[in-house]
C-alpha atoms as a PDB file:
ATOM      1  CA  MET A   1      -5.862 -41.830  24.183  1.00  0.00           C
ATOM      2  CA  ASN A   2      -6.915 -38.177  24.484  1.00  0.00           C
ATOM      3  CA  ASN A   3      -7.639 -36.666  21.071  1.00  0.00           C
ATOM      4  CA  ARG A   4      -7.985 -33.092  22.290  1.00  0.00           C
ATOM      5  CA  GLU A   5      -5.151 -30.684  21.627  1.00  0.00           C
ATOM      6  CA  ALA A   6      -3.044 -30.442  24.753  1.00  0.00           C
ATOM      7  CA  SER A   7      -2.943 -27.096  26.524  1.00  0.00           C
ATOM      8  CA  MET A   8       0.617 -27.736  27.655  1.00  0.00           C
ATOM      9  CA  ILE A   9       3.282 -30.382  27.106  1.00  0.00           C
ATOM     10  CA  LEU A  10       6.592 -30.686  28.932  1.00  0.00           C
ATOM     11  CA  ARG A  11       8.847 -33.063  27.048  1.00  0.00           C
ATOM     12  CA  GLY A  12      12.132 -34.282  28.545  1.00  0.00           C
ATOM     13  CA  VAL A  13      12.619 -31.084  30.527  1.00  0.00           C
ATOM     14  CA  GLY A  14      15.837 -30.774  32.509  1.00  0.00           C
ATOM     15  CA  ARG A  15      17.171 -27.899  34.596  1.00  0.00           C
ATOM     16  CA  THR A  16      20.506 -27.642  36.401  1.00  0.00           C
ATOM     17  CA  TYR A  17      21.697 -24.801  38.617  1.00  0.00           C
ATOM     18  CA  ARG A  18      25.408 -24.150  39.049  1.00  0.00           C
ATOM     19  CA  GLN A  19      27.315 -22.464  41.847  1.00  0.00           C
ATOM     20  CA  GLY A  20      30.983 -22.423  40.998  1.00  0.00           C
ATOM     21  CA  GLU A  21      31.940 -26.010  40.245  1.00  0.00           C
ATOM     22  CA  THR A  22      28.867 -27.410  42.001  1.00  0.00           C
ATOM     23  CA  ALA A  23      25.953 -28.515  39.815  1.00  0.00           C
ATOM     24  CA  LEU A  24      22.486 -29.207  41.222  1.00  0.00           C
ATOM     25  CA  GLN A  25      20.196 -31.006  38.793  1.00  0.00           C
ATOM     26  CA  VAL A  26      16.702 -29.981  39.882  1.00  0.00           C
ATOM     27  CA  LEU A  27      14.690 -31.415  36.971  1.00  0.00           C
ATOM     28  CA  ARG A  28      15.578 -34.616  35.102  1.00  0.00           C
ATOM     29  CA  GLY A  29      13.698 -35.526  31.945  1.00  0.00           C
ATOM     30  CA  VAL A  30      10.310 -34.270  33.164  1.00  0.00           C
ATOM     31  CA  ASN A  31       7.319 -35.180  31.004  1.00  0.00           C
ATOM     32  CA  LEU A  32       3.819 -33.833  31.597  1.00  0.00           C
ATOM     33  CA  THR A  33       0.749 -33.217  29.439  1.00  0.00           C
ATOM     34  CA  LEU A  34      -2.242 -31.123  30.484  1.00  0.00           C
ATOM     35  CA  TYR A  35      -5.533 -30.947  28.594  1.00  0.00           C
ATOM     36  CA  PRO A  36      -8.223 -28.230  28.585  1.00  0.00           C
ATOM     37  CA  GLY A  37     -10.297 -28.329  31.760  1.00  0.00           C
ATOM     38  CA  GLU A  38      -7.894 -30.694  33.515  1.00  0.00           C
ATOM     39  CA  ILE A  39      -6.667 -29.617  36.969  1.00  0.00           C
ATOM     40  CA  VAL A  40      -3.540 -31.380  38.227  1.00  0.00           C
ATOM     41  CA  ALA A  41      -2.033 -31.143  41.705  1.00  0.00           C
ATOM     42  CA  LEU A  42       1.740 -30.804  42.002  1.00  0.00           C
ATOM     43  CA  VAL A  43       2.892 -31.952  45.431  1.00  0.00           C
ATOM     44  CA  GLY A  44       6.232 -32.487  47.079  1.00  0.00           C
ATOM     45  CA  PRO A  45       8.431 -31.093  49.844  1.00  0.00           C
ATOM     46  CA  SER A  46       9.984 -27.643  49.716  1.00  0.00           C
ATOM     47  CA  GLY A  47      13.104 -27.656  47.595  1.00  0.00           C
ATOM     48  CA  SER A  48      11.965 -30.556  45.426  1.00  0.00           C
ATOM     49  CA  GLY A  49      11.726 -28.453  42.260  1.00  0.00           C
ATOM     50  CA  LYS A  50       8.022 -27.551  42.154  1.00  0.00           C
ATOM     51  CA  SER A  51       8.614 -23.824  41.695  1.00  0.00           C
ATOM     52  CA  THR A  52      11.292 -24.448  39.068  1.00  0.00           C
ATOM     53  CA  LEU A  53       8.842 -26.628  37.168  1.00  0.00           C
ATOM     54  CA  LEU A  54       6.128 -23.969  37.352  1.00  0.00           C
ATOM     55  CA  HIS A  55       8.524 -21.270  36.157  1.00  0.00           C
ATOM     56  CA  ILE A  56       9.569 -23.334  33.150  1.00  0.00           C
ATOM     57  CA  ALA A  57       5.970 -24.294  32.344  1.00  0.00           C
ATOM     58  CA  GLY A  58       5.032 -20.617  32.521  1.00  0.00           C
ATOM     59  CA  LEU A  59       7.958 -19.522  30.317  1.00  0.00           C
ATOM     60  CA  LEU A  60       9.548 -17.526  33.144  1.00  0.00           C
ATOM     61  CA  ASP A  61      12.631 -19.748  32.965  1.00  0.00           C
ATOM     62  CA  LEU A  62      14.204 -21.857  30.223  1.00  0.00           C
ATOM     63  CA  PRO A  63      15.027 -25.555  30.459  1.00  0.00           C
ATOM     64  CA  ASP A  64      18.592 -26.680  29.852  1.00  0.00           C
ATOM     65  CA  GLU A  65      17.193 -29.585  27.866  1.00  0.00           C
ATOM     66  CA  GLY A  66      13.822 -30.678  26.579  1.00  0.00           C
ATOM     67  CA  ASP A  67      10.980 -28.508  25.362  1.00  0.00           C
ATOM     68  CA  VAL A  68       7.749 -26.786  26.351  1.00  0.00           C
ATOM     69  CA  PHE A  69       4.660 -26.636  24.143  1.00  0.00           C
ATOM     70  CA  ILE A  70       1.682 -24.384  24.897  1.00  0.00           C
ATOM     71  CA  GLY A  71      -1.323 -24.764  22.639  1.00  0.00           C
ATOM     72  CA  GLY A  72       0.843 -26.711  20.218  1.00  0.00           C
ATOM     73  CA  LYS A  73       3.443 -23.934  19.975  1.00  0.00           C
ATOM     74  CA  ARG A  74       7.045 -24.860  20.680  1.00  0.00           C
ATOM     75  CA  CYS A  75       8.285 -22.413  23.290  1.00  0.00           C
ATOM     76  CA  ALA A  76      11.692 -23.312  24.719  1.00  0.00           C
ATOM     77  CA  LYS A  77      13.567 -21.808  21.760  1.00  0.00           C
ATOM     78  CA  LEU A  78      11.557 -18.579  21.601  1.00  0.00           C
ATOM     79  CA  ASP A  79      13.331 -15.329  22.425  1.00  0.00           C
ATOM     80  CA  GLU A  80      12.365 -13.313  25.490  1.00  0.00           C
ATOM     81  CA  ALA A  81      10.031 -10.969  23.583  1.00  0.00           C
ATOM     82  CA  ALA A  82       8.092 -13.869  22.070  1.00  0.00           C
ATOM     83  CA  ARG A  83       7.855 -15.676  25.409  1.00  0.00           C
ATOM     84  CA  THR A  84       6.599 -12.507  27.077  1.00  0.00           C
ATOM     85  CA  MET A  85       3.913 -12.064  24.425  1.00  0.00           C
ATOM     86  CA  LEU A  86       2.773 -15.662  24.851  1.00  0.00           C
ATOM     87  CA  ARG A  87       2.677 -15.373  28.665  1.00  0.00           C
ATOM     88  CA  ARG A  88       0.385 -12.347  28.385  1.00  0.00           C
ATOM     89  CA  THR A  89      -2.320 -14.243  26.557  1.00  0.00           C
ATOM     90  CA  ALA A  90      -1.798 -17.962  27.156  1.00  0.00           C
ATOM     91  CA  VAL A  91      -0.666 -18.281  30.780  1.00  0.00           C
ATOM     92  CA  GLY A  92      -2.202 -17.127  34.055  1.00  0.00           C
ATOM     93  CA  PHE A  93      -0.338 -17.146  37.372  1.00  0.00           C
ATOM     94  CA  VAL A  94      -1.628 -17.248  40.953  1.00  0.00           C
ATOM     95  CA  TYR A  95       0.829 -17.106  43.838  1.00  0.00           C
ATOM     96  CA  GLN A  96       0.538 -17.647  47.585  1.00  0.00           C
ATOM     97  CA  PHE A  97       0.613 -13.876  48.053  1.00  0.00           C
ATOM     98  CA  HIS A  98      -1.737 -11.921  45.823  1.00  0.00           C
ATOM     99  CA  HIS A  99       0.712  -9.224  44.596  1.00  0.00           C
ATOM    100  CA  LEU A 100      -2.116  -6.816  43.787  1.00  0.00           C
ATOM    101  CA  LEU A 101      -1.281  -3.202  42.998  1.00  0.00           C
ATOM    102  CA  PRO A 102      -2.396  -1.282  46.118  1.00  0.00           C
ATOM    103  CA  GLU A 103      -3.264   1.968  44.344  1.00  0.00           C
ATOM    104  CA  PHE A 104      -5.680   0.246  41.939  1.00  0.00           C
ATOM    105  CA  SER A 105      -9.209  -1.018  42.629  1.00  0.00           C
ATOM    106  CA  ALA A 106     -10.084  -4.689  42.386  1.00  0.00           C
ATOM    107  CA  ALA A 107     -11.524  -4.161  38.905  1.00  0.00           C
ATOM    108  CA  GLU A 108      -8.503  -2.169  37.758  1.00  0.00           C
ATOM    109  CA  ASN A 109      -6.157  -4.921  38.970  1.00  0.00           C
ATOM    110  CA  VAL A 110      -8.107  -7.488  36.946  1.00  0.00           C
ATOM    111  CA  ALA A 111      -8.306  -5.199  33.915  1.00  0.00           C
ATOM    112  CA  LEU A 112      -4.559  -4.499  33.889  1.00  0.00           C
ATOM    113  CA  PRO A 113      -3.343  -7.712  32.182  1.00  0.00           C
ATOM    114  CA  GLN A 114      -6.085  -7.296  29.607  1.00  0.00           C
ATOM    115  CA  ARG A 115      -4.971  -3.741  28.871  1.00  0.00           C
ATOM    116  CA  ILE A 116      -1.366  -4.896  28.521  1.00  0.00           C
ATOM    117  CA  ALA A 117      -2.549  -7.538  26.042  1.00  0.00           C
ATOM    118  CA  GLY A 118      -4.261  -4.847  23.971  1.00  0.00           C
ATOM    119  CA  THR A 119      -7.880  -4.965  25.153  1.00  0.00           C
ATOM    120  CA  GLY A 120      -9.662  -1.610  25.217  1.00  0.00           C
ATOM    121  CA  PRO A 121     -10.424  -0.030  28.615  1.00  0.00           C
ATOM    122  CA  LYS A 122     -14.206  -0.452  28.460  1.00  0.00           C
ATOM    123  CA  ALA A 123     -14.052  -4.122  27.467  1.00  0.00           C
ATOM    124  CA  ALA A 124     -11.326  -4.843  30.029  1.00  0.00           C
ATOM    125  CA  MET A 125     -13.322  -3.324  32.880  1.00  0.00           C
ATOM    126  CA  SER A 126     -16.459  -5.146  31.751  1.00  0.00           C
ATOM    127  CA  THR A 127     -14.664  -8.512  31.811  1.00  0.00           C
ATOM    128  CA  ALA A 128     -13.138  -7.652  35.188  1.00  0.00           C
ATOM    129  CA  ALA A 129     -16.557  -6.855  36.651  1.00  0.00           C
ATOM    130  CA  GLN A 130     -18.021 -10.109  35.306  1.00  0.00           C
ATOM    131  CA  LEU A 131     -15.210 -12.233  36.763  1.00  0.00           C
ATOM    132  CA  LEU A 132     -15.294 -10.510  40.137  1.00  0.00           C
ATOM    133  CA  THR A 133     -19.065 -10.886  40.305  1.00  0.00           C
ATOM    134  CA  ARG A 134     -18.762 -14.620  39.595  1.00  0.00           C
ATOM    135  CA  LEU A 135     -16.423 -14.932  42.569  1.00  0.00           C
ATOM    136  CA  GLY A 136     -18.801 -13.103  44.879  1.00  0.00           C
ATOM    137  CA  LEU A 137     -17.088  -9.707  44.789  1.00  0.00           C
ATOM    138  CA  LYS A 138     -19.780  -7.659  43.073  1.00  0.00           C
ATOM    139  CA  ASP A 139     -19.921  -5.225  45.991  1.00  0.00           C
ATOM    140  CA  ARG A 140     -16.120  -4.984  46.226  1.00  0.00           C
ATOM    141  CA  ILE A 141     -15.308  -4.145  42.602  1.00  0.00           C
ATOM    142  CA  ASN A 142     -14.239  -0.575  43.364  1.00  0.00           C
ATOM    143  CA  HIS A 143     -12.411  -1.361  46.606  1.00  0.00           C
ATOM    144  CA  ARG A 144      -8.647  -1.244  46.785  1.00  0.00           C
ATOM    145  CA  PRO A 145      -6.675  -4.255  48.079  1.00  0.00           C
ATOM    146  CA  GLY A 146      -6.164  -2.648  51.490  1.00  0.00           C
ATOM    147  CA  GLU A 147      -9.931  -2.591  51.948  1.00  0.00           C
ATOM    148  CA  LEU A 148     -10.309  -6.309  51.198  1.00  0.00           C
ATOM    149  CA  SER A 149      -9.840  -9.401  53.361  1.00  0.00           C
ATOM    150  CA  GLY A 150      -7.131 -11.932  52.562  1.00  0.00           C
ATOM    151  CA  GLY A 151      -9.620 -14.256  50.887  1.00  0.00           C
ATOM    152  CA  GLU A 152     -11.077 -11.410  48.846  1.00  0.00           C
ATOM    153  CA  GLN A 153      -7.624 -10.324  47.725  1.00  0.00           C
ATOM    154  CA  GLN A 154      -6.823 -13.852  46.570  1.00  0.00           C
ATOM    155  CA  ARG A 155     -10.106 -14.011  44.657  1.00  0.00           C
ATOM    156  CA  VAL A 156      -9.082 -10.834  42.848  1.00  0.00           C
ATOM    157  CA  ALA A 157      -5.719 -12.453  42.048  1.00  0.00           C
ATOM    158  CA  ILE A 158      -7.528 -15.485  40.598  1.00  0.00           C
ATOM    159  CA  CYS A 159      -9.703 -13.250  38.439  1.00  0.00           C
ATOM    160  CA  ARG A 160      -6.602 -11.391  37.255  1.00  0.00           C
ATOM    161  CA  ALA A 161      -4.914 -14.682  36.302  1.00  0.00           C
ATOM    162  CA  LEU A 162      -7.933 -15.774  34.249  1.00  0.00           C
ATOM    163  CA  ALA A 163      -8.806 -12.376  32.774  1.00  0.00           C
ATOM    164  CA  ASN A 164      -7.215 -13.080  29.379  1.00  0.00           C
ATOM    165  CA  ASN A 165      -8.853 -16.515  29.169  1.00  0.00           C
ATOM    166  CA  PRO A 166      -5.493 -18.310  29.132  1.00  0.00           C
ATOM    167  CA  ARG A 167      -4.880 -21.880  28.023  1.00  0.00           C
ATOM    168  CA  LEU A 168      -2.847 -22.607  31.135  1.00  0.00           C
ATOM    169  CA  LEU A 169      -3.243 -21.661  34.802  1.00  0.00           C
ATOM    170  CA  LEU A 170      -0.225 -22.103  37.085  1.00  0.00           C
ATOM    171  CA  ALA A 171      -0.696 -21.689  40.825  1.00  0.00           C
ATOM    172  CA  ASP A 172       1.918 -21.915  43.570  1.00  0.00           C
ATOM    173  CA  GLU A 173       0.244 -22.579  46.945  1.00  0.00           C
ATOM    174  CA  PRO A 174      -2.690 -20.311  45.991  1.00  0.00           C
ATOM    175  CA  THR A 175      -4.489 -20.846  49.304  1.00  0.00           C
ATOM    176  CA  GLY A 176      -1.444 -21.403  51.521  1.00  0.00           C
ATOM    177  CA  ASN A 177      -1.749 -17.991  53.152  1.00  0.00           C
ATOM    178  CA  LEU A 178      -5.417 -18.377  54.110  1.00  0.00           C
ATOM    179  CA  ASP A 179      -7.220 -19.911  57.074  1.00  0.00           C
ATOM    180  CA  PRO A 180      -8.776 -23.355  56.435  1.00  0.00           C
ATOM    181  CA  GLU A 181     -12.347 -22.157  55.931  1.00  0.00           C
ATOM    182  CA  THR A 182     -11.366 -19.359  53.556  1.00  0.00           C
ATOM    183  CA  SER A 183      -8.898 -21.671  51.790  1.00  0.00           C
ATOM    184  CA  GLU A 184     -11.665 -24.178  51.084  1.00  0.00           C
ATOM    185  CA  LYS A 185     -13.971 -21.534  49.647  1.00  0.00           C
ATOM    186  CA  VAL A 186     -11.319 -19.871  47.487  1.00  0.00           C
ATOM    187  CA  PHE A 187     -10.095 -23.234  46.185  1.00  0.00           C
ATOM    188  CA  SER A 188     -13.619 -24.281  45.214  1.00  0.00           C
ATOM    189  CA  GLU A 189     -14.132 -20.998  43.383  1.00  0.00           C
ATOM    190  CA  LEU A 190     -10.802 -21.362  41.612  1.00  0.00           C
ATOM    191  CA  MET A 191     -11.697 -24.872  40.436  1.00  0.00           C
ATOM    192  CA  THR A 192     -15.160 -23.852  39.248  1.00  0.00           C
ATOM    193  CA  LEU A 193     -13.953 -20.826  37.323  1.00  0.00           C
ATOM    194  CA  ALA A 194     -11.034 -22.690  35.719  1.00  0.00           C
ATOM    195  CA  ARG A 195     -13.265 -25.554  34.598  1.00  0.00           C
ATOM    196  CA  THR A 196     -15.888 -23.145  33.263  1.00  0.00           C
ATOM    197  CA  GLN A 197     -13.249 -21.475  31.104  1.00  0.00           C
ATOM    198  CA  GLY A 198     -11.713 -24.786  30.024  1.00  0.00           C
ATOM    199  CA  VAL A 199      -8.314 -23.858  31.408  1.00  0.00           C
ATOM    200  CA  ALA A 200      -5.694 -26.506  32.141  1.00  0.00           C
ATOM    201  CA  GLY A 201      -4.315 -26.039  35.639  1.00  0.00           C
ATOM    202  CA  LEU A 202      -1.151 -27.099  37.428  1.00  0.00           C
ATOM    203  CA  ILE A 203      -1.475 -26.265  41.112  1.00  0.00           C
ATOM    204  CA  ALA A 204       1.390 -26.714  43.562  1.00  0.00           C
ATOM    205  CA  THR A 205       0.127 -27.449  47.055  1.00  0.00           C
ATOM    206  CA  HIS A 206       1.111 -29.050  50.345  1.00  0.00           C
ATOM    207  CA  ASN A 207      -2.560 -29.642  51.167  1.00  0.00           C
ATOM    208  CA  MET A 208      -3.304 -33.278  50.344  1.00  0.00           C
ATOM    209  CA  ASP A 209      -7.027 -32.804  50.951  1.00  0.00           C
ATOM    210  CA  LEU A 210      -7.093 -30.247  48.145  1.00  0.00           C
ATOM    211  CA  ALA A 211      -4.837 -32.391  45.950  1.00  0.00           C
ATOM    212  CA  LYS A 212      -7.283 -35.309  46.190  1.00  0.00           C
ATOM    213  CA  ARG A 213     -10.050 -33.139  44.773  1.00  0.00           C
ATOM    214  CA  MET A 214      -8.170 -32.425  41.560  1.00  0.00           C
ATOM    215  CA  ASP A 215      -8.282 -34.675  38.511  1.00  0.00           C
ATOM    216  CA  ARG A 216      -4.945 -36.256  39.352  1.00  0.00           C
ATOM    217  CA  ALA A 217      -1.821 -35.568  41.333  1.00  0.00           C
ATOM    218  CA  VAL A 218       1.869 -35.764  40.477  1.00  0.00           C
ATOM    219  CA  THR A 219       4.875 -35.407  42.730  1.00  0.00           C
ATOM    220  CA  MET A 220       8.533 -34.494  42.332  1.00  0.00           C
ATOM    221  CA  ASP A 221      10.819 -37.410  43.111  1.00  0.00           C
ATOM    222  CA  GLY A 222      14.535 -37.033  42.518  1.00  0.00           C
ATOM    223  CA  GLY A 223      13.985 -34.371  39.893  1.00  0.00           C
ATOM    224  CA  GLN A 224      11.384 -36.416  38.015  1.00  0.00           C
ATOM    225  CA  LEU A 225       7.599 -36.489  38.037  1.00  0.00           C
ATOM    226  CA  ARG A 226       5.599 -39.517  39.036  1.00  0.00           C
ATOM    227  CA  ASP A 227       1.895 -40.042  39.504  1.00  0.00           C
ATOM    228  CA  LEU A 228       0.450 -40.297  42.988  1.00  0.00           C
END
């Protein structure tokens, strides 16, 4: 029995999409608990519901049934403004494509979510510089995304996701757009930084070699989660 407070709990989560009279039940009674510092792989074929699960866990979408708890706070019944506020501070996202703002430097991209959350400009840029340095980008802090390699851009995206020291990190194929060597390096850096900050991570991936290196792996099976 784990006595630590869970970073995230999904309890009986269900989600159905409707097109006309057709109903597609994507998630069926999904249960999942993540603890601080625990990194869990989410695997499964395309269309199995992984992205839907990540969106609900990250409060970007609402379940039709069940509930989501982040840091002990019940979230599924919160209004949009409250969910947005919680996402800003408690959840970090990393996607397959970095989605950096091209007109901003690496440091400014990492500082942006901190500024939105209310951190002052000097403190935000200081945290950004520290995170980027830890991921080997000390000499690239003032470079814009167009001046960075794909791996460097994804490192910036990881720093941005962790800039507000969230409870929960959600990643959707975070290294899927990189070559194998760069993917390995970026994944290792992601794992190290997340564990150092004590973040709980749910990482969707098709790469079973990466999945085996996480604390455990779960897969979507008929709209439900099961352990691998």
